[in-house]
Every structure is written in C-alpha cells, then in structure tokens.
Amino acid sequence: MRAFADGLLRALHEHDATGRGDLVASLRAWLSRHGQWDAAAADLGVHRHTLRYRMRRVEEILGRSLDDPDVRMELWLALKATAAVTGSVASSAASSATASAGE
C-alpha cells in the first residue's frame, strides 16, 4: 500500500517541496470535505478561488480528473496510507524518546 501511495502522490510532494503551494494538504482538505469548496477553503485558511486553483494544479500535475470518483477514492486511500505510516513513525519516535528519557 505504501508503494501505491508514494507512487500516486510523489509528484505532488515534489511540487510542495519547491515551496510553490501546499497541494497535498489542499487535496486532503478538499477530499475530506467531499469537494465542498467553501468548507475546505475555510479549513485551510485560504479563499475558495485559491483552493480551486490548487485543485486544477493537482489535476494538471497528476494528469487525472478529480471529477472521476475512482480517482478521488484512489487519492483518498493514498493520503490515508501516507498519514497512517507518518503517524506510526511519529508515534514510534515519541515512544523511543520517552523510553530514553526514563533511563
């Protein structure tokens, strides 16, 4: 699952690393709000037109349409898989730090 997520989201992470926008967080917010522009934009603290622009950029970079429910599902699964791995890594690091402090 991790390889699937990495492959699907790699181009967006690379884009975000250049400092030209936060497409991964924008995609996550938009999908979690079921495509509701105003609610997702409010979550991000941006104008809805900014969010619309970001979602167009996501489509351009990925070469896939967010109008396709299968694409949205794949992206949501990839985001969840990435969050699960990131969360477990952070959790392990925190546990190690706590254990080291107790020694």
PDB file of N, CA and C in Angstrom:
ATOM      1  N   MET A   1       0.831  -1.191   0.000  1.00  0.00           N
ATOM      2  CA  MET A   1       0.000   0.000   0.000  1.00  0.00           C
ATOM      3  C   MET A   1       0.878   1.258   0.000  1.00  0.00           C
ATOM      4  N   ARG A   2       1.991   1.178   0.742  1.00  0.00           N
ATOM      5  CA  ARG A   2       2.890   2.330   0.816  1.00  0.00           C
ATOM      6  C   ARG A   2       3.452   2.684  -0.563  1.00  0.00           C
ATOM      7  N   ALA A   3       3.836   1.685  -1.336  1.00  0.00           N
ATOM      8  CA  ALA A   3       4.379   1.932  -2.677  1.00  0.00           C
ATOM      9  C   ALA A   3       3.322   2.568  -3.571  1.00  0.00           C
ATOM     10  N   PHE A   4       2.090   2.102  -3.457  1.00  0.00           N
ATOM     11  CA  PHE A   4       0.979   2.681  -4.211  1.00  0.00           C
ATOM     12  C   PHE A   4       0.825   4.154  -3.860  1.00  0.00           C
ATOM     13  N   ALA A   5       0.794   4.452  -2.563  1.00  0.00           N
ATOM     14  CA  ALA A   5       0.608   5.831  -2.098  1.00  0.00           C
ATOM     15  C   ALA A   5       1.762   6.719  -2.542  1.00  0.00           C
ATOM     16  N   ASP A   6       2.981   6.225  -2.364  1.00  0.00           N
ATOM     17  CA  ASP A   6       4.153   7.009  -2.762  1.00  0.00           C
ATOM     18  C   ASP A   6       4.145   7.307  -4.257  1.00  0.00           C
ATOM     19  N   GLY A   7       3.823   6.300  -5.043  1.00  0.00           N
ATOM     20  CA  GLY A   7       3.794   6.496  -6.491  1.00  0.00           C
ATOM     21  C   GLY A   7       2.734   7.484  -6.935  1.00  0.00           C
ATOM     22  N   LEU A   8       1.578   7.398  -6.315  1.00  0.00           N
ATOM     23  CA  LEU A   8       0.468   8.266  -6.705  1.00  0.00           C
ATOM     24  C   LEU A   8       0.698   9.708  -6.281  1.00  0.00           C
ATOM     25  N   LEU A   9       1.283   9.912  -5.112  1.00  0.00           N
ATOM     26  CA  LEU A   9       1.424  11.263  -4.555  1.00  0.00           C
ATOM     27  C   LEU A   9       2.803  11.887  -4.759  1.00  0.00           C
ATOM     28  N   ARG A  10       3.737  11.137  -5.302  1.00  0.00           N
ATOM     29  CA  ARG A  10       5.119  11.623  -5.433  1.00  0.00           C
ATOM     30  C   ARG A  10       5.206  12.988  -6.116  1.00  0.00           C
ATOM     31  N   ALA A  11       4.549  13.142  -7.231  1.00  0.00           N
ATOM     32  CA  ALA A  11       4.641  14.407  -7.983  1.00  0.00           C
ATOM     33  C   ALA A  11       4.099  15.580  -7.166  1.00  0.00           C
ATOM     34  N   LEU A  12       3.062  15.337  -6.370  1.00  0.00           N
ATOM     35  CA  LEU A  12       2.515  16.412  -5.540  1.00  0.00           C
ATOM     36  C   LEU A  12       3.474  16.768  -4.410  1.00  0.00           C
ATOM     37  N   HIS A  13       4.076  15.761  -3.795  1.00  0.00           N
ATOM     38  CA  HIS A  13       5.065  16.025  -2.739  1.00  0.00           C
ATOM     39  C   HIS A  13       6.261  16.779  -3.295  1.00  0.00           C
ATOM     40  N   GLU A  14       6.698  16.406  -4.491  1.00  0.00           N
ATOM     41  CA  GLU A  14       7.821  17.097  -5.123  1.00  0.00           C
ATOM     42  C   GLU A  14       7.461  18.547  -5.409  1.00  0.00           C
ATOM     43  N   HIS A  15       6.255  18.781  -5.880  1.00  0.00           N
ATOM     44  CA  HIS A  15       5.787  20.149  -6.129  1.00  0.00           C
ATOM     45  C   HIS A  15       5.791  20.952  -4.836  1.00  0.00           C
ATOM     46  N   ASP A  16       5.221  20.379  -3.781  1.00  0.00           N
ATOM     47  CA  ASP A  16       5.136  21.079  -2.496  1.00  0.00           C
ATOM     48  C   ASP A  16       6.519  21.379  -1.924  1.00  0.00           C
ATOM     49  N   ALA A  17       7.481  20.489  -2.167  1.00  0.00           N
ATOM     50  CA  ALA A  17       8.835  20.679  -1.639  1.00  0.00           C
ATOM     51  C   ALA A  17       9.522  21.904  -2.232  1.00  0.00           C
ATOM     52  N   THR A  18       9.062  22.350  -3.393  1.00  0.00           N
ATOM     53  CA  THR A  18       9.664  23.536  -4.017  1.00  0.00           C
ATOM     54  C   THR A  18       9.123  24.825  -3.421  1.00  0.00           C
ATOM     55  N   GLY A  19       8.120  24.722  -2.539  1.00  0.00           N
ATOM     56  CA  GLY A  19       7.553  25.906  -1.904  1.00  0.00           C
ATOM     57  C   GLY A  19       6.554  26.648  -2.763  1.00  0.00           C
ATOM     58  N   ARG A  20       6.031  25.987  -3.791  1.00  0.00           N
ATOM     59  CA  ARG A  20       5.092  26.655  -4.704  1.00  0.00           C
ATOM     60  C   ARG A  20       3.640  26.314  -4.416  1.00  0.00           C
ATOM     61  N   GLY A  21       3.328  25.961  -3.196  1.00  0.00           N
ATOM     62  CA  GLY A  21       1.952  25.645  -2.859  1.00  0.00           C
ATOM     63  C   GLY A  21       1.868  24.426  -1.989  1.00  0.00           C
ATOM     64  N   ASP A  22       0.738  24.263  -1.369  1.00  0.00           N
ATOM     65  CA  ASP A  22       0.544  23.130  -0.479  1.00  0.00           C
ATOM     66  C   ASP A  22      -0.559  22.253  -1.063  1.00  0.00           C
ATOM     67  N   LEU A  23      -0.211  21.548  -2.116  1.00  0.00           N
ATOM     68  CA  LEU A  23      -1.210  20.778  -2.852  1.00  0.00           C
ATOM     69  C   LEU A  23      -1.674  19.538  -2.096  1.00  0.00           C
ATOM     70  N   VAL A  24      -0.793  18.887  -1.368  1.00  0.00           N
ATOM     71  CA  VAL A  24      -1.187  17.672  -0.656  1.00  0.00           C
ATOM     72  C   VAL A  24      -2.198  18.010   0.434  1.00  0.00           C
ATOM     73  N   ALA A  25      -1.907  19.026   1.235  1.00  0.00           N
ATOM     74  CA  ALA A  25      -2.840  19.431   2.295  1.00  0.00           C
ATOM     75  C   ALA A  25      -4.150  19.934   1.698  1.00  0.00           C
ATOM     76  N   SER A  26      -4.063  20.637   0.582  1.00  0.00           N
ATOM     77  CA  SER A  26      -5.274  21.138  -0.072  1.00  0.00           C
ATOM     78  C   SER A  26      -6.131  19.995  -0.593  1.00  0.00           C
ATOM     79  N   LEU A  27      -5.493  19.008  -1.198  1.00  0.00           N
ATOM     80  CA  LEU A  27      -6.218  17.845  -1.690  1.00  0.00           C
ATOM     81  C   LEU A  27      -6.876  17.097  -0.533  1.00  0.00           C
ATOM     82  N   ARG A  28      -6.124  16.916   0.550  1.00  0.00           N
ATOM     83  CA  ARG A  28      -6.664  16.211   1.726  1.00  0.00           C
ATOM     84  C   ARG A  28      -7.895  16.950   2.268  1.00  0.00           C
ATOM     85  N   ALA A  29      -7.808  18.268   2.396  1.00  0.00           N
ATOM     86  CA  ALA A  29      -8.932  19.054   2.918  1.00  0.00           C
ATOM     87  C   ALA A  29     -10.127  18.980   1.981  1.00  0.00           C
ATOM     88  N   TRP A  30      -9.882  19.093   0.687  1.00  0.00           N
ATOM     89  CA  TRP A  30     -10.968  19.080  -0.296  1.00  0.00           C
ATOM     90  C   TRP A  30     -11.675  17.730  -0.310  1.00  0.00           C
ATOM     91  N   LEU A  31     -10.888  16.655  -0.265  1.00  0.00           N
ATOM     92  CA  LEU A  31     -11.492  15.330  -0.255  1.00  0.00           C
ATOM     93  C   LEU A  31     -12.226  15.062   1.058  1.00  0.00           C
ATOM     94  N   SER A  32     -11.666  15.507   2.167  1.00  0.00           N
ATOM     95  CA  SER A  32     -12.315  15.257   3.454  1.00  0.00           C
ATOM     96  C   SER A  32     -13.623  16.025   3.589  1.00  0.00           C
ATOM     97  N   ARG A  33     -13.746  17.113   2.839  1.00  0.00           N
ATOM     98  CA  ARG A  33     -14.982  17.901   2.828  1.00  0.00           C
ATOM     99  C   ARG A  33     -15.870  17.547   1.638  1.00  0.00           C
ATOM    100  N   HIS A  34     -15.593  16.424   1.005  1.00  0.00           N
ATOM    101  CA  HIS A  34     -16.406  15.908  -0.115  1.00  0.00           C
ATOM    102  C   HIS A  34     -16.555  16.921  -1.243  1.00  0.00           C
ATOM    103  N   GLY A  35     -15.475  17.645  -1.504  1.00  0.00           N
ATOM    104  CA  GLY A  35     -15.475  18.601  -2.607  1.00  0.00           C
ATOM    105  C   GLY A  35     -16.187  19.904  -2.327  1.00  0.00           C
ATOM    106  N   GLN A  36     -16.521  20.163  -1.092  1.00  0.00           N
ATOM    107  CA  GLN A  36     -17.181  21.432  -0.742  1.00  0.00           C
ATOM    108  C   GLN A  36     -16.111  22.523  -0.643  1.00  0.00           C
ATOM    109  N   TRP A  37     -16.147  23.407  -1.612  1.00  0.00           N
ATOM    110  CA  TRP A  37     -15.099  24.418  -1.751  1.00  0.00           C
ATOM    111  C   TRP A  37     -14.989  25.326  -0.525  1.00  0.00           C
ATOM    112  N   ASP A  38     -16.101  25.883  -0.096  1.00  0.00           N
ATOM    113  CA  ASP A  38     -16.063  26.848   0.997  1.00  0.00           C
ATOM    114  C   ASP A  38     -15.575  26.223   2.294  1.00  0.00           C
ATOM    115  N   ALA A  39     -16.076  25.045   2.624  1.00  0.00           N
ATOM    116  CA  ALA A  39     -15.683  24.383   3.873  1.00  0.00           C
ATOM    117  C   ALA A  39     -14.204  24.005   3.843  1.00  0.00           C
ATOM    118  N   ALA A  40     -13.746  23.444   2.744  1.00  0.00           N
ATOM    119  CA  ALA A  40     -12.344  23.037   2.637  1.00  0.00           C
ATOM    120  C   ALA A  40     -11.428  24.261   2.657  1.00  0.00           C
ATOM    121  N   ALA A  41     -11.818  25.318   1.969  1.00  0.00           N
ATOM    122  CA  ALA A  41     -11.018  26.543   1.959  1.00  0.00           C
ATOM    123  C   ALA A  41     -10.935  27.136   3.363  1.00  0.00           C
ATOM    124  N   ALA A  42     -12.039  27.112   4.093  1.00  0.00           N
ATOM    125  CA  ALA A  42     -12.041  27.623   5.469  1.00  0.00           C
ATOM    126  C   ALA A  42     -11.111  26.794   6.348  1.00  0.00           C
ATOM    127  N   ASP A  43     -11.116  25.483   6.172  1.00  0.00           N
ATOM    128  CA  ASP A  43     -10.214  24.616   6.937  1.00  0.00           C
ATOM    129  C   ASP A  43      -8.752  24.999   6.700  1.00  0.00           C
ATOM    130  N   LEU A  44      -8.444  25.368   5.464  1.00  0.00           N
ATOM    131  CA  LEU A  44      -7.076  25.705   5.085  1.00  0.00           C
ATOM    132  C   LEU A  44      -6.720  27.164   5.357  1.00  0.00           C
ATOM    133  N   GLY A  45      -7.739  27.994   5.578  1.00  0.00           N
ATOM    134  CA  GLY A  45      -7.500  29.428   5.776  1.00  0.00           C
ATOM    135  C   GLY A  45      -7.160  30.153   4.489  1.00  0.00           C
ATOM    136  N   VAL A  46      -7.720  29.666   3.373  1.00  0.00           N
ATOM    137  CA  VAL A  46      -7.493  30.308   2.071  1.00  0.00           C
ATOM    138  C   VAL A  46      -8.833  30.634   1.416  1.00  0.00           C
ATOM    139  N   HIS A  47      -8.803  31.459   0.396  1.00  0.00           N
ATOM    140  CA  HIS A  47     -10.010  31.784  -0.366  1.00  0.00           C
ATOM    141  C   HIS A  47     -10.385  30.582  -1.224  1.00  0.00           C
ATOM    142  N   ARG A  48     -11.673  30.410  -1.477  1.00  0.00           N
ATOM    143  CA  ARG A  48     -12.107  29.253  -2.275  1.00  0.00           C
ATOM    144  C   ARG A  48     -11.519  29.271  -3.678  1.00  0.00           C
ATOM    145  N   HIS A  49     -11.259  30.445  -4.230  1.00  0.00           N
ATOM    146  CA  HIS A  49     -10.649  30.505  -5.561  1.00  0.00           C
ATOM    147  C   HIS A  49      -9.209  29.988  -5.526  1.00  0.00           C
ATOM    148  N   THR A  50      -8.521  30.225  -4.422  1.00  0.00           N
ATOM    149  CA  THR A  50      -7.172  29.681  -4.250  1.00  0.00           C
ATOM    150  C   THR A  50      -7.230  28.163  -4.231  1.00  0.00           C
ATOM    151  N   LEU A  51      -8.198  27.623  -3.512  1.00  0.00           N
ATOM    152  CA  LEU A  51      -8.366  26.178  -3.457  1.00  0.00           C
ATOM    153  C   LEU A  51      -8.722  25.614  -4.828  1.00  0.00           C
ATOM    154  N   ARG A  52      -9.583  26.287  -5.556  1.00  0.00           N
ATOM    155  CA  ARG A  52      -9.932  25.827  -6.911  1.00  0.00           C
ATOM    156  C   ARG A  52      -8.694  25.787  -7.804  1.00  0.00           C
ATOM    157  N   TYR A  53      -7.877  26.823  -7.703  1.00  0.00           N
ATOM    158  CA  TYR A  53      -6.638  26.853  -8.481  1.00  0.00           C
ATOM    159  C   TYR A  53      -5.742  25.670  -8.103  1.00  0.00           C
ATOM    160  N   ARG A  54      -5.608  25.423  -6.808  1.00  0.00           N
ATOM    161  CA  ARG A  54      -4.773  24.310  -6.355  1.00  0.00           C
ATOM    162  C   ARG A  54      -5.293  22.969  -6.867  1.00  0.00           C
ATOM    163  N   MET A  55      -6.596  22.787  -6.878  1.00  0.00           N
ATOM    164  CA  MET A  55      -7.145  21.513  -7.355  1.00  0.00           C
ATOM    165  C   MET A  55      -6.936  21.365  -8.868  1.00  0.00           C
ATOM    166  N   ARG A  56      -6.982  22.466  -9.599  1.00  0.00           N
ATOM    167  CA  ARG A  56      -6.648  22.404 -11.038  1.00  0.00           C
ATOM    168  C   ARG A  56      -5.191  21.989 -11.212  1.00  0.00           C
ATOM    169  N   ARG A  57      -4.308  22.537 -10.358  1.00  0.00           N
ATOM    170  CA  ARG A  57      -2.893  22.178 -10.426  1.00  0.00           C
ATOM    171  C   ARG A  57      -2.700  20.686 -10.108  1.00  0.00           C
ATOM    172  N   VAL A  58      -3.446  20.176  -9.121  1.00  0.00           N
ATOM    173  CA  VAL A  58      -3.380  18.748  -8.794  1.00  0.00           C
ATOM    174  C   VAL A  58      -3.734  17.931 -10.038  1.00  0.00           C
ATOM    175  N   GLU A  59      -4.826  18.312 -10.704  1.00  0.00           N
ATOM    176  CA  GLU A  59      -5.242  17.587 -11.913  1.00  0.00           C
ATOM    177  C   GLU A  59      -4.166  17.658 -12.992  1.00  0.00           C
ATOM    178  N   GLU A  60      -3.582  18.839 -13.183  1.00  0.00           N
ATOM    179  CA  GLU A  60      -2.554  19.008 -14.206  1.00  0.00           C
ATOM    180  C   GLU A  60      -1.317  18.164 -13.892  1.00  0.00           C
ATOM    181  N   ILE A  61      -0.877  18.223 -12.661  1.00  0.00           N
ATOM    182  CA  ILE A  61       0.341  17.508 -12.269  1.00  0.00           C
ATOM    183  C   ILE A  61       0.147  16.001 -12.338  1.00  0.00           C
ATOM    184  N   LEU A  62      -1.008  15.526 -11.875  1.00  0.00           N
ATOM    185  CA  LEU A  62      -1.269  14.088 -11.880  1.00  0.00           C
ATOM    186  C   LEU A  62      -1.765  13.575 -13.226  1.00  0.00           C
ATOM    187  N   GLY A  63      -2.281  14.469 -14.060  1.00  0.00           N
ATOM    188  CA  GLY A  63      -2.840  14.048 -15.342  1.00  0.00           C
ATOM    189  C   GLY A  63      -4.114  13.245 -15.172  1.00  0.00           C
ATOM    190  N   ARG A  64      -4.852  13.545 -14.102  1.00  0.00           N
ATOM    191  CA  ARG A  64      -6.084  12.815 -13.791  1.00  0.00           C
ATOM    192  C   ARG A  64      -7.158  13.807 -13.388  1.00  0.00           C
ATOM    193  N   SER A  65      -8.405  13.447 -13.642  1.00  0.00           N
ATOM    194  CA  SER A  65      -9.529  14.321 -13.343  1.00  0.00           C
ATOM    195  C   SER A  65     -10.117  14.022 -11.963  1.00  0.00           C
ATOM    196  N   LEU A  66     -10.263  15.061 -11.168  1.00  0.00           N
ATOM    197  CA  LEU A  66     -10.892  14.906  -9.852  1.00  0.00           C
ATOM    198  C   LEU A  66     -12.403  14.761  -9.968  1.00  0.00           C
ATOM    199  N   ASP A  67     -12.946  14.876 -11.167  1.00  0.00           N
ATOM    200  CA  ASP A  67     -14.372  14.605 -11.390  1.00  0.00           C
ATOM    201  C   ASP A  67     -14.668  13.105 -11.357  1.00  0.00           C
ATOM    202  N   ASP A  68     -13.636  12.296 -11.523  1.00  0.00           N
ATOM    203  CA  ASP A  68     -13.787  10.841 -11.546  1.00  0.00           C
ATOM    204  C   ASP A  68     -13.787  10.315 -10.108  1.00  0.00           C
ATOM    205  N   PRO A  69     -14.874   9.683  -9.667  1.00  0.00           N
ATOM    206  CA  PRO A  69     -14.929   9.185  -8.285  1.00  0.00           C
ATOM    207  C   PRO A  69     -13.867   8.129  -7.981  1.00  0.00           C
ATOM    208  N   ASP A  70     -13.467   7.350  -8.973  1.00  0.00           N
ATOM    209  CA  ASP A  70     -12.417   6.357  -8.754  1.00  0.00           C
ATOM    210  C   ASP A  70     -11.077   7.031  -8.459  1.00  0.00           C
ATOM    211  N   VAL A  71     -10.810   8.131  -9.146  1.00  0.00           N
ATOM    212  CA  VAL A  71      -9.581   8.893  -8.906  1.00  0.00           C
ATOM    213  C   VAL A  71      -9.605   9.467  -7.496  1.00  0.00           C
ATOM    214  N   ARG A  72     -10.740  10.052  -7.101  1.00  0.00           N
ATOM    215  CA  ARG A  72     -10.854  10.604  -5.749  1.00  0.00           C
ATOM    216  C   ARG A  72     -10.650   9.512  -4.699  1.00  0.00           C
ATOM    217  N   MET A  73     -11.206   8.334  -4.929  1.00  0.00           N
ATOM    218  CA  MET A  73     -11.049   7.229  -3.993  1.00  0.00           C
ATOM    219  C   MET A  73      -9.583   6.809  -3.895  1.00  0.00           C
ATOM    220  N   GLU A  74      -8.909   6.669  -5.023  1.00  0.00           N
ATOM    221  CA  GLU A  74      -7.503   6.281  -5.011  1.00  0.00           C
ATOM    222  C   GLU A  74      -6.649   7.302  -4.270  1.00  0.00           C
ATOM    223  N   LEU A  75      -6.918   8.582  -4.523  1.00  0.00           N
ATOM    224  CA  LEU A  75      -6.160   9.634  -3.858  1.00  0.00           C
ATOM    225  C   LEU A  75      -6.428   9.642  -2.354  1.00  0.00           C
ATOM    226  N   TRP A  76      -7.690   9.437  -1.968  1.00  0.00           N
ATOM    227  CA  TRP A  76      -8.019   9.402  -0.544  1.00  0.00           C
ATOM    228  C   TRP A  76      -7.301   8.232   0.145  1.00  0.00           C
ATOM    229  N   LEU A  77      -7.316   7.063  -0.496  1.00  0.00           N
ATOM    230  CA  LEU A  77      -6.614   5.915   0.076  1.00  0.00           C
ATOM    231  C   LEU A  77      -5.108   6.180   0.194  1.00  0.00           C
ATOM    232  N   ALA A  78      -4.548   6.802  -0.818  1.00  0.00           N
ATOM    233  CA  ALA A  78      -3.116   7.122  -0.781  1.00  0.00           C
ATOM    234  C   ALA A  78      -2.811   8.108   0.352  1.00  0.00           C
ATOM    235  N   LEU A  79      -3.657   9.103   0.516  1.00  0.00           N
ATOM    236  CA  LEU A  79      -3.451  10.065   1.596  1.00  0.00           C
ATOM    237  C   LEU A  79      -3.587   9.398   2.962  1.00  0.00           C
ATOM    238  N   LYS A  80      -4.570   8.527   3.109  1.00  0.00           N
ATOM    239  CA  LYS A  80      -4.765   7.825   4.381  1.00  0.00           C
ATOM    240  C   LYS A  80      -3.585   6.890   4.666  1.00  0.00           C
ATOM    241  N   ALA A  81      -3.099   6.197   3.651  1.00  0.00           N
ATOM    242  CA  ALA A  81      -1.962   5.299   3.831  1.00  0.00           C
ATOM    243  C   ALA A  81      -0.722   6.082   4.241  1.00  0.00           C
ATOM    244  N   THR A  82      -0.510   7.217   3.622  1.00  0.00           N
ATOM    245  CA  THR A  82       0.628   8.071   3.957  1.00  0.00           C
ATOM    246  C   THR A  82       0.502   8.584   5.380  1.00  0.00           C
ATOM    247  N   ALA A  83      -0.700   9.006   5.769  1.00  0.00           N
ATOM    248  CA  ALA A  83      -0.921   9.514   7.127  1.00  0.00           C
ATOM    249  C   ALA A  83      -0.726   8.407   8.151  1.00  0.00           C
ATOM    250  N   ALA A  84      -1.150   7.204   7.834  1.00  0.00           N
ATOM    251  CA  ALA A  84      -1.006   6.084   8.763  1.00  0.00           C
ATOM    252  C   ALA A  84       0.461   5.767   8.992  1.00  0.00           C
ATOM    253  N   VAL A  85       1.245   5.772   7.928  1.00  0.00           N
ATOM    254  CA  VAL A  85       2.674   5.481   8.049  1.00  0.00           C
ATOM    255  C   VAL A  85       3.368   6.622   8.783  1.00  0.00           C
ATOM    256  N   THR A  86       3.043   7.860   8.432  1.00  0.00           N
ATOM    257  CA  THR A  86       3.642   9.015   9.082  1.00  0.00           C
ATOM    258  C   THR A  86       3.283   9.030  10.564  1.00  0.00           C
ATOM    259  N   GLY A  87       2.042   8.714  10.874  1.00  0.00           N
ATOM    260  CA  GLY A  87       1.598   8.677  12.264  1.00  0.00           C
ATOM    261  C   GLY A  87       2.299   7.594  13.058  1.00  0.00           C
ATOM    262  N   SER A  88       2.504   6.436  12.457  1.00  0.00           N
ATOM    263  CA  SER A  88       3.166   5.356  13.181  1.00  0.00           C
ATOM    264  C   SER A  88       4.643   5.657  13.377  1.00  0.00           C
ATOM    265  N   VAL A  89       5.275   6.348  12.432  1.00  0.00           N
ATOM    266  CA  VAL A  89       6.676   6.734  12.578  1.00  0.00           C
ATOM    267  C   VAL A  89       6.810   7.765  13.693  1.00  0.00           C
ATOM    268  N   ALA A  90       5.917   8.765  13.706  1.00  0.00           N
ATOM    269  CA  ALA A  90       5.955   9.785  14.745  1.00  0.00           C
ATOM    270  C   ALA A  90       5.680   9.169  16.111  1.00  0.00           C
ATOM    271  N   SER A  91       4.759   8.242  16.162  1.00  0.00           N
ATOM    272  CA  SER A  91       4.427   7.559  17.408  1.00  0.00           C
ATOM    273  C   SER A  91       5.620   6.757  17.918  1.00  0.00           C
ATOM    274  N   SER A  92       6.308   6.061  17.020  1.00  0.00           N
ATOM    275  CA  SER A  92       7.483   5.283  17.406  1.00  0.00           C
ATOM    276  C   SER A  92       8.600   6.185  17.902  1.00  0.00           C
ATOM    277  N   ALA A  93       8.792   7.322  17.250  1.00  0.00           N
ATOM    278  CA  ALA A  93       9.832   8.269  17.665  1.00  0.00           C
ATOM    279  C   ALA A  93       9.520   8.827  19.046  1.00  0.00           C
ATOM    280  N   ALA A  94       8.252   9.148  19.290  1.00  0.00           N
ATOM    281  CA  ALA A  94       7.851   9.684  20.596  1.00  0.00           C
ATOM    282  C   ALA A  94       8.036   8.624  21.676  1.00  0.00           C
ATOM    283  N   SER A  95       7.704   7.380  21.382  1.00  0.00           N
ATOM    284  CA  SER A  95       7.885   6.299  22.346  1.00  0.00           C
ATOM    285  C   SER A  95       9.364   6.089  22.658  1.00  0.00           C
ATOM    286  N   SER A  96      10.212   6.154  21.658  1.00  0.00           N
ATOM    287  CA  SER A  96      11.645   5.990  21.858  1.00  0.00           C
ATOM    288  C   SER A  96      12.207   7.121  22.699  1.00  0.00           C
ATOM    289  N   ALA A  97      11.756   8.344  22.440  1.00  0.00           N
ATOM    290  CA  ALA A  97      12.224   9.495  23.202  1.00  0.00           C
ATOM    291  C   ALA A  97      11.796   9.382  24.652  1.00  0.00           C
ATOM    292  N   THR A  98      10.570   8.927  24.900  1.00  0.00           N
ATOM    293  CA  THR A  98      10.076   8.759  26.246  1.00  0.00           C
ATOM    294  C   THR A  98      10.861   7.665  26.978  1.00  0.00           C
ATOM    295  N   ALA A  99      11.129   6.582  26.295  1.00  0.00           N
ATOM    296  CA  ALA A  99      11.884   5.481  26.894  1.00  0.00           C
ATOM    297  C   ALA A  99      13.308   5.918  27.219  1.00  0.00           C
ATOM    298  N   SER A 100      13.933   6.695  26.335  1.00  0.00           N
ATOM    299  CA  SER A 100      15.296   7.172  26.551  1.00  0.00           C
ATOM    300  C   SER A 100      15.356   8.140  27.724  1.00  0.00           C
ATOM    301  N   ALA A 101      14.341   8.956  27.871  1.00  0.00           N
ATOM    302  CA  ALA A 101      14.305   9.943  28.962  1.00  0.00           C
ATOM    303  C   ALA A 101      14.173   9.243  30.302  1.00  0.00           C
ATOM    304  N   GLY A 102      13.552   8.075  30.321  1.00  0.00           N
ATOM    305  CA  GLY A 102      13.350   7.342  31.564  1.00  0.00           C
ATOM    306  C   GLY A 102      14.573   6.566  32.013  1.00  0.00           C
ATOM    307  N   GLU A 103      15.598   6.466  31.162  1.00  0.00           N
ATOM    308  CA  GLU A 103      16.788   5.677  31.507  1.00  0.00           C
ATOM    309  C   GLU A 103      17.720   6.419  32.415  1.00  0.00           C
TER     310      GLU A 103
END
